[in-house]
Amino acid sequence: MLLFNSTLLFESVSLSRDSLLDDLIKIRKMLIVQISDLHVGSQFLQDKFDQLVDEVNQLNPNVIVVTGDLTNEGLMHEYERCQELLTKFKSKKIITISGNHDYRNTGYLLFKKFFPFEAINELSDDVVLVTLGTARPDRNEGEVGYRQNLWLERTMKKYKDKVKILAMHHHLIAIPDTGSDQLTVVDAGDVLRTILDTGVDLVLCGHKHRPWEWNFGKLMVVNAGTATSERVRGLFENTYNIITISNKSINVDLKIVGGKRIQLNDIVTNYHQFGDE
């Protein structure tokens, strides 16, 4: 009788483990942290960066995506310092994208030296992240260009069954409370057509230092604030985004550095200008 009960117990534990393994496989969660606009240089806030590192390392993300303006003036000593600072993150993969500030003072010659990158990143069996370079030397507005847009179309069509993420520095769509906008991607219409035609799920942008989310159903366009620069916009503090992908479903949270974590969509749905009743 004792042997029979032990056998049943063993089989029950084995079945539980198999069931748990099946559940974990089904969940297939991925955690991506998006930080942007560090501006290492005269506008950089070291204390905010130290807090940022502690918080992100506790999250233990699969990937960190830095969507541009790593440096403030594209100078050699800024690149050297930024390269050293990024080694403090414990994530196995850090994807960096150049911004318009990184391209200043011929900084475009330095970016690939200090931050070599791959434009196509297959993060898992379910998720691919593709980067676009929108920065141009000594220009603040962004541009993708015909050839890069054609490459994007051909590339995204190869990943029909994956969650497709596109990351760039410049914002693709104008954002409220950021003044007169002449700095979006100048060929945004062509890029948006490509994004919609190829079924891109998520676009990550930086540049405007204003967190925001445009949700168009199948397509979500997410903008990050500045994580470590003193140039925050309006009432916002230094922030970054936490993206969770589970069973091909995408959720984006906004995290204030040293503060609370909320769903980014709450900012949109509860939007009002300062001074409104």
C-alpha atoms as a PDB file:
ATOM      1  CA  MET A   1       0.000   0.000   0.000  1.00  0.00           C
ATOM      2  CA  LEU A   2       2.834   2.404   0.845  1.00  0.00           C
ATOM      3  CA  LEU A   3       4.611   1.619  -2.419  1.00  0.00           C
ATOM      4  CA  PHE A   4       1.380   2.314  -4.335  1.00  0.00           C
ATOM      5  CA  ASN A   5       0.944   5.713  -2.679  1.00  0.00           C
ATOM      6  CA  SER A   6       4.584   6.635  -3.335  1.00  0.00           C
ATOM      7  CA  THR A   7       4.177   5.750  -6.977  1.00  0.00           C
ATOM      8  CA  LEU A   8       1.074   7.896  -7.239  1.00  0.00           C
ATOM      9  CA  LEU A   9       2.908  10.764  -5.523  1.00  0.00           C
ATOM     10  CA  PHE A  10       5.843  10.466  -7.939  1.00  0.00           C
ATOM     11  CA  GLU A  11       3.516  10.408 -10.933  1.00  0.00           C
ATOM     12  CA  SER A  12       1.613  13.422  -9.578  1.00  0.00           C
ATOM     13  CA  VAL A  13       4.831  15.447  -9.101  1.00  0.00           C
ATOM     14  CA  SER A  14       6.024  14.436 -12.565  1.00  0.00           C
ATOM     15  CA  LEU A  15       2.738  15.470 -14.144  1.00  0.00           C
ATOM     16  CA  SER A  16       2.832  18.797 -12.270  1.00  0.00           C
ATOM     17  CA  ARG A  17       6.316  19.518 -13.533  1.00  0.00           C
ATOM     18  CA  ASP A  18       5.337  18.655 -17.101  1.00  0.00           C
ATOM     19  CA  SER A  19       2.257  20.850 -16.802  1.00  0.00           C
ATOM     20  CA  LEU A  20       4.316  23.726 -15.412  1.00  0.00           C
ATOM     21  CA  LEU A  21       6.824  23.362 -18.233  1.00  0.00           C
ATOM     22  CA  ASP A  22       4.010  23.422 -20.783  1.00  0.00           C
ATOM     23  CA  ASP A  23       2.599  26.590 -19.195  1.00  0.00           C
ATOM     24  CA  LEU A  24       5.990  28.295 -19.271  1.00  0.00           C
ATOM     25  CA  ILE A  25       6.444  27.393 -22.914  1.00  0.00           C
ATOM     26  CA  LYS A  26       3.014  28.786 -23.709  1.00  0.00           C
ATOM     27  CA  ILE A  27       3.710  32.062 -21.890  1.00  0.00           C
ATOM     28  CA  ARG A  28       6.998  32.800 -23.736  1.00  0.00           C
ATOM     29  CA  LYS A  29       7.468  36.200 -22.135  1.00  0.00           C
ATOM     30  CA  MET A  30      10.054  38.711 -23.267  1.00  0.00           C
ATOM     31  CA  LEU A  31      11.062  41.875 -21.427  1.00  0.00           C
ATOM     32  CA  ILE A  32      12.536  44.800 -23.360  1.00  0.00           C
ATOM     33  CA  VAL A  33      13.680  48.055 -21.760  1.00  0.00           C
ATOM     34  CA  GLN A  34      13.747  51.134 -23.979  1.00  0.00           C
ATOM     35  CA  ILE A  35      15.925  54.000 -22.801  1.00  0.00           C
ATOM     36  CA  SER A  36      16.561  57.079 -24.878  1.00  0.00           C
ATOM     37  CA  ASP A  37      18.293  60.437 -25.094  1.00  0.00           C
ATOM     38  CA  LEU A  38      21.005  59.943 -22.490  1.00  0.00           C
ATOM     39  CA  HIS A  39      22.897  63.035 -23.728  1.00  0.00           C
ATOM     40  CA  VAL A  40      26.167  62.077 -22.078  1.00  0.00           C
ATOM     41  CA  GLY A  41      27.981  65.401 -21.858  1.00  0.00           C
ATOM     42  CA  SER A  42      27.025  68.784 -20.446  1.00  0.00           C
ATOM     43  CA  GLN A  43      23.330  67.912 -19.996  1.00  0.00           C
ATOM     44  CA  PHE A  44      23.889  64.464 -18.473  1.00  0.00           C
ATOM     45  CA  LEU A  45      22.582  63.642 -14.967  1.00  0.00           C
ATOM     46  CA  GLN A  46      24.876  61.086 -13.329  1.00  0.00           C
ATOM     47  CA  ASP A  47      22.620  60.477 -10.329  1.00  0.00           C
ATOM     48  CA  LYS A  48      19.691  59.651 -12.606  1.00  0.00           C
ATOM     49  CA  PHE A  49      21.868  57.263 -14.584  1.00  0.00           C
ATOM     50  CA  ASP A  50      22.975  55.472 -11.401  1.00  0.00           C
ATOM     51  CA  GLN A  51      19.320  55.027 -10.393  1.00  0.00           C
ATOM     52  CA  LEU A  52      18.476  53.870 -13.909  1.00  0.00           C
ATOM     53  CA  VAL A  53      21.160  51.174 -13.842  1.00  0.00           C
ATOM     54  CA  ASP A  54      19.983  49.830 -10.483  1.00  0.00           C
ATOM     55  CA  GLU A  55      16.351  49.675 -11.597  1.00  0.00           C
ATOM     56  CA  VAL A  56      17.004  48.127 -15.007  1.00  0.00           C
ATOM     57  CA  ASN A  57      19.389  45.521 -13.617  1.00  0.00           C
ATOM     58  CA  GLN A  58      16.724  44.479 -11.096  1.00  0.00           C
ATOM     59  CA  LEU A  59      14.300  43.973 -13.990  1.00  0.00           C
ATOM     60  CA  ASN A  60      16.832  41.694 -15.704  1.00  0.00           C
ATOM     61  CA  PRO A  61      15.513  42.447 -19.228  1.00  0.00           C
ATOM     62  CA  ASN A  62      16.181  40.224 -22.208  1.00  0.00           C
ATOM     63  CA  VAL A  63      17.171  43.263 -24.254  1.00  0.00           C
ATOM     64  CA  ILE A  64      17.917  46.959 -23.736  1.00  0.00           C
ATOM     65  CA  VAL A  65      17.247  49.272 -26.684  1.00  0.00           C
ATOM     66  CA  VAL A  66      18.820  52.739 -26.640  1.00  0.00           C
ATOM     67  CA  THR A  67      16.952  54.856 -29.191  1.00  0.00           C
ATOM     68  CA  GLY A  68      19.519  57.544 -29.911  1.00  0.00           C
ATOM     69  CA  ASP A  69      21.250  60.653 -28.613  1.00  0.00           C
ATOM     70  CA  LEU A  70      23.655  58.689 -26.461  1.00  0.00           C
ATOM     71  CA  THR A  71      25.957  61.724 -26.523  1.00  0.00           C
ATOM     72  CA  ASN A  72      25.249  65.432 -26.432  1.00  0.00           C
ATOM     73  CA  GLU A  73      27.708  66.741 -29.026  1.00  0.00           C
ATOM     74  CA  GLY A  74      29.105  63.633 -30.704  1.00  0.00           C
ATOM     75  CA  LEU A  75      32.566  64.273 -29.247  1.00  0.00           C
ATOM     76  CA  MET A  76      35.230  61.642 -28.653  1.00  0.00           C
ATOM     77  CA  HIS A  77      35.324  61.991 -24.869  1.00  0.00           C
ATOM     78  CA  GLU A  78      31.505  61.741 -24.712  1.00  0.00           C
ATOM     79  CA  TYR A  79      31.565  58.522 -26.739  1.00  0.00           C
ATOM     80  CA  GLU A  80      34.310  57.095 -24.521  1.00  0.00           C
ATOM     81  CA  ARG A  81      32.386  57.882 -21.357  1.00  0.00           C
ATOM     82  CA  CYS A  82      29.086  56.598 -22.729  1.00  0.00           C
ATOM     83  CA  GLN A  83      30.665  53.324 -23.834  1.00  0.00           C
ATOM     84  CA  GLU A  84      31.992  52.821 -20.314  1.00  0.00           C
ATOM     85  CA  LEU A  85      28.648  53.735 -18.713  1.00  0.00           C
ATOM     86  CA  LEU A  86      26.679  51.208 -20.754  1.00  0.00           C
ATOM     87  CA  THR A  87      28.858  48.376 -19.451  1.00  0.00           C
ATOM     88  CA  LYS A  88      27.133  48.850 -16.073  1.00  0.00           C
ATOM     89  CA  PHE A  89      23.955  47.274 -17.452  1.00  0.00           C
ATOM     90  CA  LYS A  90      23.797  43.501 -16.965  1.00  0.00           C
ATOM     91  CA  SER A  91      21.590  42.722 -19.946  1.00  0.00           C
ATOM     92  CA  LYS A  92      23.090  40.205 -22.383  1.00  0.00           C
ATOM     93  CA  LYS A  93      22.066  42.297 -25.378  1.00  0.00           C
ATOM     94  CA  ILE A  94      22.118  46.084 -25.773  1.00  0.00           C
ATOM     95  CA  ILE A  95      20.983  47.558 -29.090  1.00  0.00           C
ATOM     96  CA  THR A  96      22.079  51.131 -29.767  1.00  0.00           C
ATOM     97  CA  ILE A  97      20.760  53.534 -32.413  1.00  0.00           C
ATOM     98  CA  SER A  98      22.341  56.829 -33.422  1.00  0.00           C
ATOM     99  CA  GLY A  99      20.585  60.158 -32.897  1.00  0.00           C
ATOM    100  CA  ASN A 100      21.040  63.604 -34.370  1.00  0.00           C
ATOM    101  CA  HIS A 101      23.202  64.704 -31.407  1.00  0.00           C
ATOM    102  CA  ASP A 102      25.473  61.688 -31.945  1.00  0.00           C
ATOM    103  CA  TYR A 103      26.075  62.832 -35.530  1.00  0.00           C
ATOM    104  CA  ARG A 104      27.209  66.330 -34.572  1.00  0.00           C
ATOM    105  CA  ASN A 105      30.828  67.389 -35.060  1.00  0.00           C
ATOM    106  CA  THR A 106      31.458  64.416 -37.371  1.00  0.00           C
ATOM    107  CA  GLY A 107      30.292  62.133 -34.571  1.00  0.00           C
ATOM    108  CA  TYR A 108      28.847  59.853 -37.261  1.00  0.00           C
ATOM    109  CA  LEU A 109      32.432  58.704 -37.881  1.00  0.00           C
ATOM    110  CA  LEU A 110      32.675  57.606 -34.251  1.00  0.00           C
ATOM    111  CA  PHE A 111      29.318  55.950 -33.645  1.00  0.00           C
ATOM    112  CA  LYS A 112      30.012  52.655 -35.414  1.00  0.00           C
ATOM    113  CA  LYS A 113      33.457  52.490 -33.814  1.00  0.00           C
ATOM    114  CA  PHE A 114      32.120  52.777 -30.278  1.00  0.00           C
ATOM    115  CA  PHE A 115      28.714  51.153 -30.768  1.00  0.00           C
ATOM    116  CA  PRO A 116      28.805  48.510 -33.505  1.00  0.00           C
ATOM    117  CA  PHE A 117      25.332  47.155 -34.159  1.00  0.00           C
ATOM    118  CA  GLU A 118      23.270  44.780 -36.247  1.00  0.00           C
ATOM    119  CA  ALA A 119      20.258  46.191 -38.064  1.00  0.00           C
ATOM    120  CA  ILE A 120      18.335  42.897 -37.815  1.00  0.00           C
ATOM    121  CA  ASN A 121      18.006  41.312 -34.366  1.00  0.00           C
ATOM    122  CA  GLU A 122      16.109  38.036 -34.045  1.00  0.00           C
ATOM    123  CA  LEU A 123      15.435  38.204 -30.322  1.00  0.00           C
ATOM    124  CA  SER A 124      13.559  34.887 -30.106  1.00  0.00           C
ATOM    125  CA  ASP A 125      11.518  32.482 -32.196  1.00  0.00           C
ATOM    126  CA  ASP A 126       8.633  34.952 -31.914  1.00  0.00           C
ATOM    127  CA  VAL A 127      10.223  38.426 -31.947  1.00  0.00           C
ATOM    128  CA  VAL A 128      12.431  40.330 -34.392  1.00  0.00           C
ATOM    129  CA  LEU A 129      13.695  43.886 -33.877  1.00  0.00           C
ATOM    130  CA  VAL A 130      14.903  45.932 -36.852  1.00  0.00           C
ATOM    131  CA  THR A 131      16.656  49.298 -36.567  1.00  0.00           C
ATOM    132  CA  LEU A 132      16.653  52.266 -38.940  1.00  0.00           C
ATOM    133  CA  GLY A 133      19.192  55.073 -39.041  1.00  0.00           C
ATOM    134  CA  THR A 134      17.330  58.383 -39.247  1.00  0.00           C
ATOM    135  CA  ALA A 135      20.140  60.748 -38.190  1.00  0.00           C
ATOM    136  CA  ARG A 136      22.003  62.831 -40.769  1.00  0.00           C
ATOM    137  CA  PRO A 137      25.197  64.861 -40.173  1.00  0.00           C
ATOM    138  CA  ASP A 138      24.514  68.341 -38.793  1.00  0.00           C
ATOM    139  CA  ARG A 139      20.738  68.076 -39.259  1.00  0.00           C
ATOM    140  CA  ASN A 140      18.151  67.900 -36.505  1.00  0.00           C
ATOM    141  CA  GLU A 141      15.302  66.451 -38.576  1.00  0.00           C
ATOM    142  CA  GLY A 142      15.236  62.765 -39.419  1.00  0.00           C
ATOM    143  CA  GLU A 143      15.200  60.950 -42.745  1.00  0.00           C
ATOM    144  CA  VAL A 144      14.968  57.297 -43.745  1.00  0.00           C
ATOM    145  CA  GLY A 145      15.536  57.614 -47.485  1.00  0.00           C
ATOM    146  CA  TYR A 146      14.349  55.586 -50.461  1.00  0.00           C
ATOM    147  CA  ARG A 147      16.967  52.829 -50.312  1.00  0.00           C
ATOM    148  CA  GLN A 148      16.638  52.214 -46.585  1.00  0.00           C
ATOM    149  CA  ASN A 149      12.846  52.213 -46.851  1.00  0.00           C
ATOM    150  CA  LEU A 150      13.009  49.652 -49.662  1.00  0.00           C
ATOM    151  CA  TRP A 151      15.359  47.538 -47.532  1.00  0.00           C
ATOM    152  CA  LEU A 152      12.913  47.799 -44.625  1.00  0.00           C
ATOM    153  CA  GLU A 153      10.050  46.556 -46.796  1.00  0.00           C
ATOM    154  CA  ARG A 154      12.008  43.561 -48.078  1.00  0.00           C
ATOM    155  CA  THR A 155      13.292  42.735 -44.602  1.00  0.00           C
ATOM    156  CA  MET A 156       9.986  42.877 -42.728  1.00  0.00           C
ATOM    157  CA  LYS A 157       8.255  40.715 -45.338  1.00  0.00           C
ATOM    158  CA  LYS A 158      10.591  37.863 -44.375  1.00  0.00           C
ATOM    159  CA  TYR A 159       9.119  37.710 -40.855  1.00  0.00           C
ATOM    160  CA  LYS A 160       5.424  37.063 -41.439  1.00  0.00           C
ATOM    161  CA  ASP A 161       4.705  35.108 -38.260  1.00  0.00           C
ATOM    162  CA  LYS A 162       6.838  37.062 -35.771  1.00  0.00           C
ATOM    163  CA  VAL A 163       6.179  40.072 -33.597  1.00  0.00           C
ATOM    164  CA  LYS A 164       7.904  42.786 -35.646  1.00  0.00           C
ATOM    165  CA  ILE A 165       9.484  45.738 -33.845  1.00  0.00           C
ATOM    166  CA  LEU A 166      11.038  48.731 -35.598  1.00  0.00           C
ATOM    167  CA  ALA A 167      13.321  51.065 -33.631  1.00  0.00           C
ATOM    168  CA  MET A 168      14.588  54.490 -34.720  1.00  0.00           C
ATOM    169  CA  HIS A 169      15.627  57.754 -33.102  1.00  0.00           C
ATOM    170  CA  HIS A 170      13.365  60.367 -34.648  1.00  0.00           C
ATOM    171  CA  HIS A 171       9.661  60.349 -33.876  1.00  0.00           C
ATOM    172  CA  LEU A 172       7.513  59.098 -36.721  1.00  0.00           C
ATOM    173  CA  ILE A 173       4.325  60.923 -35.686  1.00  0.00           C
ATOM    174  CA  ALA A 174       4.002  64.309 -34.003  1.00  0.00           C
ATOM    175  CA  ILE A 175       3.538  64.323 -30.216  1.00  0.00           C
ATOM    176  CA  PRO A 176       1.341  66.676 -28.125  1.00  0.00           C
ATOM    177  CA  ASP A 177       2.955  69.381 -25.996  1.00  0.00           C
ATOM    178  CA  THR A 178       6.166  69.478 -28.017  1.00  0.00           C
ATOM    179  CA  GLY A 179       5.656  72.767 -29.838  1.00  0.00           C
ATOM    180  CA  SER A 180       5.894  73.441 -33.564  1.00  0.00           C
ATOM    181  CA  ASP A 181       7.066  70.183 -35.110  1.00  0.00           C
ATOM    182  CA  GLN A 182       9.551  70.388 -37.963  1.00  0.00           C
ATOM    183  CA  LEU A 183      11.791  67.559 -36.797  1.00  0.00           C
ATOM    184  CA  THR A 184       9.809  64.405 -37.565  1.00  0.00           C
ATOM    185  CA  VAL A 185      11.060  61.939 -40.161  1.00  0.00           C
ATOM    186  CA  VAL A 186      10.749  64.009 -43.349  1.00  0.00           C
ATOM    187  CA  ASP A 187       9.642  60.990 -45.405  1.00  0.00           C
ATOM    188  CA  ALA A 188       7.353  59.647 -42.676  1.00  0.00           C
ATOM    189  CA  GLY A 189       4.538  58.995 -45.141  1.00  0.00           C
ATOM    190  CA  ASP A 190       6.621  56.534 -47.156  1.00  0.00           C
ATOM    191  CA  VAL A 191       7.861  54.829 -44.007  1.00  0.00           C
ATOM    192  CA  LEU A 192       4.360  54.531 -42.523  1.00  0.00           C
ATOM    193  CA  ARG A 193       3.119  52.934 -45.740  1.00  0.00           C
ATOM    194  CA  THR A 194       5.917  50.357 -45.521  1.00  0.00           C
ATOM    195  CA  ILE A 195       5.209  49.720 -41.841  1.00  0.00           C
ATOM    196  CA  LEU A 196       1.515  49.096 -42.460  1.00  0.00           C
ATOM    197  CA  ASP A 197       2.068  47.006 -45.596  1.00  0.00           C
ATOM    198  CA  THR A 198       4.502  44.683 -43.831  1.00  0.00           C
ATOM    199  CA  GLY A 199       2.521  44.278 -40.610  1.00  0.00           C
ATOM    200  CA  VAL A 200       4.922  45.920 -38.154  1.00  0.00           C
ATOM    201  CA  ASP A 201       3.503  45.624 -34.626  1.00  0.00           C
ATOM    202  CA  LEU A 202       5.540  48.154 -32.651  1.00  0.00           C
ATOM    203  CA  VAL A 203       7.634  51.225 -33.501  1.00  0.00           C
ATOM    204  CA  LEU A 204      10.011  52.607 -30.857  1.00  0.00           C
ATOM    205  CA  CYS A 205      11.151  56.233 -31.134  1.00  0.00           C
ATOM    206  CA  GLY A 206      12.986  58.811 -29.033  1.00  0.00           C
ATOM    207  CA  HIS A 207      14.173  62.347 -29.835  1.00  0.00           C
ATOM    208  CA  LYS A 208      11.418  64.564 -28.389  1.00  0.00           C
ATOM    209  CA  HIS A 209      11.986  63.817 -24.678  1.00  0.00           C
ATOM    210  CA  ARG A 210       8.234  63.323 -24.278  1.00  0.00           C
ATOM    211  CA  PRO A 211       6.794  59.868 -23.521  1.00  0.00           C
ATOM    212  CA  TRP A 212       3.721  59.068 -25.585  1.00  0.00           C
ATOM    213  CA  GLU A 213       1.879  56.226 -27.273  1.00  0.00           C
ATOM    214  CA  TRP A 214      -0.146  56.179 -30.466  1.00  0.00           C
ATOM    215  CA  ASN A 215      -2.207  52.976 -30.591  1.00  0.00           C
ATOM    216  CA  PHE A 216      -3.728  52.213 -33.992  1.00  0.00           C
ATOM    217  CA  GLY A 217      -4.904  48.698 -33.172  1.00  0.00           C
ATOM    218  CA  LYS A 218      -2.499  46.433 -35.052  1.00  0.00           C
ATOM    219  CA  LEU A 219       0.235  49.094 -34.951  1.00  0.00           C
ATOM    220  CA  MET A 220       1.552  50.823 -31.822  1.00  0.00           C
ATOM    221  CA  VAL A 221       3.990  53.771 -32.021  1.00  0.00           C
ATOM    222  CA  VAL A 222       5.782  54.376 -28.719  1.00  0.00           C
ATOM    223  CA  ASN A 223       7.935  57.366 -27.851  1.00  0.00           C
ATOM    224  CA  ALA A 224      10.376  57.410 -24.947  1.00  0.00           C
ATOM    225  CA  GLY A 225      11.213  60.353 -22.736  1.00  0.00           C
ATOM    226  CA  THR A 226      14.761  61.250 -21.794  1.00  0.00           C
ATOM    227  CA  ALA A 227      16.238  58.856 -19.258  1.00  0.00           C
ATOM    228  CA  THR A 228      19.198  60.876 -17.984  1.00  0.00           C
ATOM    229  CA  SER A 229      19.134  64.371 -19.493  1.00  0.00           C
ATOM    230  CA  GLU A 230      18.173  67.570 -17.695  1.00  0.00           C
ATOM    231  CA  ARG A 231      16.089  68.517 -20.753  1.00  0.00           C
ATOM    232  CA  VAL A 232      12.785  66.982 -19.638  1.00  0.00           C
ATOM    233  CA  ARG A 233       9.612  68.390 -21.185  1.00  0.00           C
ATOM    234  CA  GLY A 234       6.870  70.118 -19.216  1.00  0.00           C
ATOM    235  CA  LEU A 235       5.886  68.322 -16.023  1.00  0.00           C
ATOM    236  CA  PHE A 236       7.579  65.063 -16.962  1.00  0.00           C
ATOM    237  CA  GLU A 237      10.527  63.601 -15.105  1.00  0.00           C
ATOM    238  CA  ASN A 238      13.277  61.332 -16.392  1.00  0.00           C
ATOM    239  CA  THR A 239      11.630  58.169 -17.696  1.00  0.00           C
ATOM    240  CA  TYR A 240      12.106  54.981 -19.684  1.00  0.00           C
ATOM    241  CA  ASN A 241       9.788  52.336 -21.127  1.00  0.00           C
ATOM    242  CA  ILE A 242       9.296  48.698 -20.127  1.00  0.00           C
ATOM    243  CA  ILE A 243       7.891  46.516 -22.912  1.00  0.00           C
ATOM    244  CA  THR A 244       6.479  43.090 -22.117  1.00  0.00           C
ATOM    245  CA  ILE A 245       5.671  40.663 -24.926  1.00  0.00           C
ATOM    246  CA  SER A 246       3.644  37.615 -23.940  1.00  0.00           C
ATOM    247  CA  ASN A 247       2.097  35.243 -26.475  1.00  0.00           C
ATOM    248  CA  LYS A 248       2.592  37.960 -29.119  1.00  0.00           C
ATOM    249  CA  SER A 249       0.637  40.467 -27.002  1.00  0.00           C
ATOM    250  CA  ILE A 250       2.469  43.747 -26.301  1.00  0.00           C
ATOM    251  CA  ASN A 251       2.204  45.865 -23.158  1.00  0.00           C
ATOM    252  CA  VAL A 252       4.164  49.095 -22.556  1.00  0.00           C
ATOM    253  CA  ASP A 253       4.739  50.641 -19.128  1.00  0.00           C
ATOM    254  CA  LEU A 254       6.269  54.003 -18.360  1.00  0.00           C
ATOM    255  CA  LYS A 255       8.782  54.034 -15.488  1.00  0.00           C
ATOM    256  CA  ILE A 256       9.877  57.235 -13.794  1.00  0.00           C
ATOM    257  CA  VAL A 257      13.533  56.973 -12.784  1.00  0.00           C
ATOM    258  CA  GLY A 258      13.356  56.617  -9.011  1.00  0.00           C
ATOM    259  CA  GLY A 259       9.553  56.754  -9.123  1.00  0.00           C
ATOM    260  CA  LYS A 260       6.410  54.871 -10.013  1.00  0.00           C
ATOM    261  CA  ARG A 261       5.581  52.555 -12.902  1.00  0.00           C
ATOM    262  CA  ILE A 262       2.334  53.064 -14.855  1.00  0.00           C
ATOM    263  CA  GLN A 263       0.882  51.964 -18.153  1.00  0.00           C
ATOM    264  CA  LEU A 264       1.962  54.366 -20.875  1.00  0.00           C
ATOM    265  CA  ASN A 265      -1.525  54.265 -22.380  1.00  0.00           C
ATOM    266  CA  ASP A 266      -2.879  55.875 -19.180  1.00  0.00           C
ATOM    267  CA  ILE A 267      -1.082  59.088 -20.136  1.00  0.00           C
ATOM    268  CA  VAL A 268      -2.928  59.147 -23.445  1.00  0.00           C
ATOM    269  CA  THR A 269      -6.390  58.261 -22.151  1.00  0.00           C
ATOM    270  CA  ASN A 270      -6.123  60.747 -19.245  1.00  0.00           C
ATOM    271  CA  TYR A 271      -4.453  63.472 -21.289  1.00  0.00           C
ATOM    272  CA  HIS A 272      -5.033  67.121 -20.495  1.00  0.00           C
ATOM    273  CA  GLN A 273      -2.891  70.191 -20.885  1.00  0.00           C
ATOM    274  CA  PHE A 274      -1.477  71.907 -17.842  1.00  0.00           C
ATOM    275  CA  GLY A 275      -4.024  74.370 -16.513  1.00  0.00           C
ATOM    276  CA  ASP A 276      -7.048  72.561 -17.953  1.00  0.00           C
ATOM    277  CA  GLU A 277      -9.932  71.956 -15.587  1.00  0.00           C
END
